[in-house]
Protein backbone atom coordinates (compact mmCIF):
# COMPACT_ATOMS: atom_id res chain seq x y z
CA UNK A 1 63.50 107.36 84.19
CA UNK A 2 62.77 103.64 84.34
CA UNK A 3 66.35 102.85 83.43
CA UNK A 4 67.74 104.90 86.31
CA UNK A 5 65.31 103.25 88.72
CA UNK A 6 66.33 99.82 87.40
CA UNK A 7 70.05 100.63 87.83
CA UNK A 8 69.48 101.80 91.41
CA UNK A 9 67.51 98.65 92.15
CA UNK A 10 70.24 96.43 90.66
CA UNK A 11 72.85 98.26 92.72
CA UNK A 12 70.91 97.74 95.95
CA UNK A 13 70.34 94.04 95.18
CA UNK A 14 74.05 93.64 94.35
CA UNK A 15 75.08 95.23 97.64
CA UNK A 16 72.68 92.97 99.52
CA UNK A 17 74.14 89.88 97.82
CA UNK A 18 77.72 90.93 98.62
CA UNK A 19 76.85 91.45 102.29
CA UNK A 20 75.03 88.11 102.44
CA UNK A 21 78.05 86.30 100.97
CA UNK A 22 80.43 88.00 103.42
CA UNK A 23 78.17 87.10 106.33
CA UNK A 24 78.05 83.47 105.14
CA UNK A 25 81.86 83.33 104.81
CA UNK A 26 82.30 84.82 108.28
CA UNK A 27 79.98 82.22 109.79
CA UNK A 28 81.80 79.41 107.97
CA UNK A 29 85.13 80.73 109.26
CA UNK A 30 83.83 80.86 112.82
CA UNK A 31 82.56 77.29 112.56
CA UNK A 32 85.96 76.21 111.19
CA UNK A 33 87.81 78.06 113.95
CA UNK A 34 85.76 76.16 116.51
CA UNK A 35 87.62 72.96 115.54
CA UNK A 36 90.32 72.35 118.14
CA UNK A 37 93.34 70.09 118.16
CA UNK A 38 93.58 66.90 120.23
CA UNK A 39 94.99 68.77 123.23
CA UNK A 40 92.04 71.18 123.34
CA UNK A 41 94.00 74.18 122.03
CA UNK A 42 94.07 75.71 118.62
CA UNK A 43 96.14 73.86 116.06
CA UNK A 44 99.63 75.32 115.42
CA UNK A 45 98.94 75.43 111.67
CA UNK A 46 96.17 77.96 112.35
CA UNK A 47 98.63 80.46 113.85
CA UNK A 48 99.63 83.29 111.50
CA UNK A 49 103.16 83.01 110.18
CA UNK A 50 105.16 86.18 110.75
CA UNK A 51 108.05 87.19 108.54
CA UNK A 52 111.50 86.58 109.96
CA UNK A 53 113.46 89.76 110.84
CA UNK A 54 116.25 90.68 108.44
CA UNK A 55 119.64 92.12 109.40
CA UNK A 56 122.09 94.16 107.32
CA UNK A 57 125.63 92.79 107.04
CA UNK A 58 128.23 95.21 108.43
CA UNK A 59 130.73 94.12 105.77
CA UNK A 60 128.82 93.97 102.48
CA UNK A 61 125.42 95.51 103.27
CA UNK A 62 123.40 92.50 102.14
CA UNK A 63 120.20 91.81 104.08
CA UNK A 64 120.02 88.26 105.46
CA UNK A 65 117.57 86.42 107.75
CA UNK A 66 118.42 86.89 111.42
CA UNK A 67 118.55 83.11 111.98
CA UNK A 68 121.27 82.76 109.30
CA UNK A 69 123.33 85.73 110.48
CA UNK A 70 126.48 85.78 112.60
CA UNK A 71 126.83 88.29 115.45
CA UNK A 72 130.42 89.31 116.33
CA UNK A 73 131.16 92.13 118.79
CA UNK A 74 127.57 93.32 118.53
CA UNK A 75 127.69 93.68 114.74
CA UNK A 76 125.65 91.46 112.40
CA UNK A 77 127.23 89.68 109.44
CA UNK A 78 125.70 87.57 106.67
CA UNK A 79 128.40 84.88 107.04
CA UNK A 80 131.36 83.86 109.18
CA UNK A 81 133.73 84.72 106.32
CA UNK A 82 132.52 88.34 106.30
CA UNK A 83 132.90 88.53 110.08
CA UNK A 84 136.51 87.34 109.79
CA UNK A 85 137.24 89.73 106.91
CA UNK A 86 135.79 92.64 108.92
CA UNK A 87 137.84 91.68 112.00
CA UNK A 88 141.04 91.46 109.93
CA UNK A 89 140.50 94.96 108.51
CA UNK A 90 142.91 97.52 110.00
CA UNK A 91 141.36 100.18 112.24
CA UNK A 92 142.41 103.51 113.70
CA UNK A 93 145.95 104.65 112.83
CA UNK A 94 146.70 101.37 111.03
CA UNK A 95 144.05 102.16 108.42
CA UNK A 96 146.16 104.93 106.83
C-alpha cells in the first residue's frame, strides 16, 4: 500500500514540476517578446515564416514554388521551356 501511495505522490510532484517549468518558459517568452526593434515595432525576424505555395506544372506535373513558376494563358508551368513545349503541342483536330 505504501508503494502505491509513493507512486501517486511522485506522479503529483512530477506534474507540478512540469507545470512550473511550462509557466517559467511562458513568462520568459513573454519577456523576450516585449523586446521591440528600433522603430518600435516587432522585429521582422520574429514573424513566423509561412511555406511558399506550390503549383503543378501543366506539362510534366512536377510541383514547383509559385515564385519560380511561369504562367502562360492561365496555366502554370515549372519552366519557360515547358510552357513553349505545351504551346507548340497540336490541339483540336490537329492532334489526330
